[in-house]
N, C-alpha and C. Protein backbone atom coordinates (compact mmCIF):
# COMPACT_ATOMS: atom_id res chain seq x y z
N MET A 1 -31.72 -23.28 11.00
CA MET A 1 -31.76 -21.94 10.45
C MET A 1 -31.45 -20.91 11.54
N LYS A 2 -32.09 -21.08 12.70
CA LYS A 2 -31.86 -20.13 13.79
C LYS A 2 -30.41 -20.17 14.25
N LYS A 3 -29.83 -21.37 14.28
CA LYS A 3 -28.45 -21.51 14.72
C LYS A 3 -27.50 -20.80 13.75
N THR A 4 -27.79 -20.89 12.46
CA THR A 4 -26.95 -20.24 11.46
C THR A 4 -27.00 -18.72 11.62
N VAL A 5 -28.19 -18.19 11.79
CA VAL A 5 -28.35 -16.75 11.97
C VAL A 5 -27.69 -16.30 13.26
N LEU A 6 -27.89 -17.03 14.33
CA LEU A 6 -27.29 -16.70 15.61
C LEU A 6 -25.77 -16.74 15.54
N PHE A 7 -25.24 -17.77 14.88
CA PHE A 7 -23.79 -17.88 14.72
C PHE A 7 -23.25 -16.71 13.90
N GLY A 8 -23.94 -16.36 12.83
CA GLY A 8 -23.52 -15.24 11.98
C GLY A 8 -23.50 -13.93 12.74
N LEU A 9 -24.54 -13.68 13.52
CA LEU A 9 -24.60 -12.46 14.32
C LEU A 9 -23.51 -12.43 15.38
N SER A 10 -23.26 -13.57 16.00
CA SER A 10 -22.21 -13.65 17.02
C SER A 10 -20.85 -13.36 16.42
N ALA A 11 -20.57 -13.94 15.27
CA ALA A 11 -19.28 -13.72 14.60
C ALA A 11 -19.14 -12.25 14.20
N LEU A 12 -20.20 -11.65 13.74
CA LEU A 12 -20.17 -10.25 13.34
C LEU A 12 -19.91 -9.35 14.54
N MET A 13 -20.53 -9.63 15.66
CA MET A 13 -20.33 -8.83 16.86
C MET A 13 -18.90 -8.96 17.38
N ILE A 14 -18.37 -10.16 17.38
CA ILE A 14 -17.01 -10.38 17.86
C ILE A 14 -16.00 -9.69 16.96
N SER A 15 -16.18 -9.78 15.65
CA SER A 15 -15.24 -9.14 14.74
C SER A 15 -15.32 -7.63 14.84
N GLY A 16 -16.48 -7.09 15.13
CA GLY A 16 -16.62 -5.65 15.30
C GLY A 16 -15.87 -5.14 16.51
N CYS A 17 -15.86 -5.91 17.57
CA CYS A 17 -15.14 -5.52 18.78
C CYS A 17 -13.63 -5.62 18.60
N ALA A 18 -13.19 -6.58 17.83
CA ALA A 18 -11.76 -6.82 17.67
C ALA A 18 -11.12 -5.84 16.71
N SER A 19 -11.89 -5.22 15.86
CA SER A 19 -11.29 -4.37 14.83
C SER A 19 -11.60 -2.89 15.03
N SER A 20 -11.60 -2.44 16.25
CA SER A 20 -11.88 -1.03 16.49
C SER A 20 -10.70 -0.18 16.02
N VAL A 21 -11.01 0.89 15.34
CA VAL A 21 -9.99 1.79 14.81
C VAL A 21 -9.69 2.83 15.87
N ARG A 22 -8.41 3.10 16.08
CA ARG A 22 -8.00 4.05 17.10
C ARG A 22 -7.05 5.06 16.47
N TYR A 23 -7.20 6.31 16.83
CA TYR A 23 -6.33 7.38 16.37
C TYR A 23 -5.62 7.99 17.57
N ASP A 24 -4.41 8.46 17.35
CA ASP A 24 -3.64 9.06 18.44
C ASP A 24 -2.62 10.02 17.85
N TYR A 25 -2.09 10.87 18.70
CA TYR A 25 -1.04 11.79 18.28
C TYR A 25 0.29 11.04 18.26
N VAL A 26 1.01 11.17 17.15
CA VAL A 26 2.26 10.44 16.95
C VAL A 26 3.36 11.43 16.59
N LYS A 27 4.52 11.25 17.24
CA LYS A 27 5.69 12.07 16.94
C LYS A 27 6.91 11.16 17.03
N GLU A 28 7.68 11.15 15.97
CA GLU A 28 8.86 10.28 15.95
C GLU A 28 9.84 10.70 17.04
N GLY A 29 10.26 9.75 17.83
CA GLY A 29 11.22 9.99 18.89
C GLY A 29 10.62 10.47 20.20
N ALA A 30 9.32 10.69 20.23
CA ALA A 30 8.68 11.17 21.46
C ALA A 30 8.21 9.98 22.30
N SER A 31 8.46 10.06 23.58
CA SER A 31 7.98 9.02 24.49
C SER A 31 6.51 9.25 24.80
N ASN A 32 5.87 8.25 25.34
CA ASN A 32 4.47 8.38 25.75
C ASN A 32 4.32 9.44 26.84
N HIS A 33 5.29 9.51 27.73
CA HIS A 33 5.29 10.51 28.80
C HIS A 33 5.35 11.92 28.22
N GLN A 34 6.20 12.12 27.24
CA GLN A 34 6.31 13.44 26.60
C GLN A 34 5.02 13.80 25.88
N LYS A 35 4.40 12.81 25.21
CA LYS A 35 3.15 13.07 24.50
C LYS A 35 2.06 13.49 25.48
N ILE A 36 1.98 12.81 26.61
CA ILE A 36 0.96 13.14 27.62
C ILE A 36 1.20 14.54 28.17
N ASN A 37 2.46 14.89 28.42
CA ASN A 37 2.77 16.24 28.91
C ASN A 37 2.40 17.31 27.89
N ASP A 38 2.74 17.09 26.62
CA ASP A 38 2.41 18.05 25.57
C ASP A 38 0.91 18.17 25.39
N LEU A 39 0.21 17.06 25.42
CA LEU A 39 -1.25 17.07 25.29
C LEU A 39 -1.89 17.80 26.46
N SER A 40 -1.39 17.55 27.66
CA SER A 40 -1.93 18.23 28.85
C SER A 40 -1.71 19.73 28.77
N GLU A 41 -0.54 20.14 28.29
CA GLU A 41 -0.25 21.57 28.16
C GLU A 41 -1.19 22.23 27.15
N CYS A 42 -1.42 21.57 26.02
CA CYS A 42 -2.34 22.11 25.03
C CYS A 42 -3.76 22.22 25.59
N GLU A 43 -4.22 21.16 26.25
CA GLU A 43 -5.56 21.18 26.83
C GLU A 43 -5.69 22.26 27.90
N TYR A 44 -4.65 22.44 28.70
CA TYR A 44 -4.66 23.46 29.75
C TYR A 44 -4.80 24.85 29.13
N ASN A 45 -4.01 25.13 28.10
CA ASN A 45 -4.06 26.44 27.46
C ASN A 45 -5.41 26.71 26.80
N ILE A 46 -6.01 25.68 26.24
CA ILE A 46 -7.32 25.84 25.62
C ILE A 46 -8.37 26.17 26.68
N ARG A 47 -8.32 25.48 27.81
CA ARG A 47 -9.27 25.76 28.90
C ARG A 47 -9.00 27.11 29.54
N LEU A 48 -7.73 27.47 29.65
CA LEU A 48 -7.35 28.73 30.26
C LEU A 48 -7.92 29.91 29.49
N ASN A 49 -7.95 29.78 28.17
CA ASN A 49 -8.47 30.85 27.32
C ASN A 49 -9.98 30.81 27.15
N LYS A 50 -10.64 29.89 27.86
CA LYS A 50 -12.10 29.77 27.83
C LYS A 50 -12.63 29.69 26.39
N THR A 51 -12.02 28.80 25.64
CA THR A 51 -12.39 28.60 24.25
C THR A 51 -13.73 27.89 24.16
N ARG A 52 -14.52 28.28 23.16
CA ARG A 52 -15.82 27.63 22.96
C ARG A 52 -15.60 26.16 22.62
N ALA A 53 -16.52 25.33 23.06
CA ALA A 53 -16.40 23.88 22.88
C ALA A 53 -16.27 23.48 21.42
N ILE A 54 -16.95 24.20 20.55
CA ILE A 54 -16.93 23.86 19.13
C ILE A 54 -15.54 24.06 18.51
N GLU A 55 -14.72 24.90 19.10
CA GLU A 55 -13.39 25.20 18.57
C GLU A 55 -12.28 24.41 19.25
N GLN A 56 -12.57 23.74 20.34
CA GLN A 56 -11.53 23.11 21.15
C GLN A 56 -10.78 22.01 20.42
N LYS A 57 -11.47 21.15 19.68
CA LYS A 57 -10.80 20.03 18.99
C LYS A 57 -9.83 20.55 17.94
N GLU A 58 -10.26 21.55 17.17
CA GLU A 58 -9.38 22.11 16.14
C GLU A 58 -8.16 22.77 16.77
N LEU A 59 -8.37 23.51 17.85
CA LEU A 59 -7.24 24.15 18.53
C LEU A 59 -6.28 23.12 19.13
N LEU A 60 -6.83 22.04 19.65
CA LEU A 60 -5.98 20.97 20.19
C LEU A 60 -5.12 20.38 19.08
N ASN A 61 -5.72 20.12 17.92
CA ASN A 61 -4.95 19.59 16.79
C ASN A 61 -3.86 20.57 16.35
N LEU A 62 -4.18 21.84 16.27
CA LEU A 62 -3.19 22.84 15.87
C LEU A 62 -2.06 22.95 16.88
N CYS A 63 -2.40 22.90 18.15
CA CYS A 63 -1.39 22.98 19.20
C CYS A 63 -0.44 21.78 19.13
N MET A 64 -1.01 20.59 18.98
CA MET A 64 -0.17 19.39 18.91
C MET A 64 0.66 19.37 17.62
N GLN A 65 0.10 19.85 16.52
CA GLN A 65 0.88 19.95 15.28
C GLN A 65 2.03 20.91 15.45
N GLY A 66 1.81 21.98 16.18
CA GLY A 66 2.87 22.94 16.45
C GLY A 66 4.00 22.34 17.27
N LYS A 67 3.69 21.30 18.02
CA LYS A 67 4.71 20.61 18.81
C LYS A 67 5.33 19.44 18.04
N GLY A 68 4.91 19.26 16.78
CA GLY A 68 5.50 18.22 15.94
C GLY A 68 4.74 16.92 15.87
N TYR A 69 3.53 16.86 16.40
CA TYR A 69 2.73 15.63 16.39
C TYR A 69 1.79 15.62 15.19
N ARG A 70 1.42 14.42 14.78
CA ARG A 70 0.42 14.22 13.74
C ARG A 70 -0.64 13.28 14.31
N TYR A 71 -1.89 13.54 13.98
CA TYR A 71 -3.01 12.71 14.44
C TYR A 71 -3.20 11.60 13.42
N LYS A 72 -2.80 10.37 13.78
CA LYS A 72 -2.80 9.26 12.84
C LYS A 72 -3.50 8.04 13.41
N ARG A 73 -3.88 7.17 12.50
CA ARG A 73 -4.46 5.87 12.88
C ARG A 73 -3.33 5.00 13.42
N VAL A 74 -3.57 4.40 14.56
CA VAL A 74 -2.58 3.50 15.16
C VAL A 74 -3.16 2.09 15.24
N VAL A 75 -2.29 1.14 15.14
CA VAL A 75 -2.71 -0.27 15.14
C VAL A 75 -2.59 -0.85 16.52
């Protein structure tokens, strides 16, 4: 009985680690280097304007959308 429970818990833990969902900014035709540069520019401008922490994520999304990116689930 203990072995069955232990095996079940082990399998559940392993499957949880293997199936982590990840989201990222995606733009057709954009290289990873270009995405990092655009993301850095947006983050810099947000910090430069001393934006409140609660607004930073939304502003980052709007900035990246303005550059043609979409925040999507990636495999």
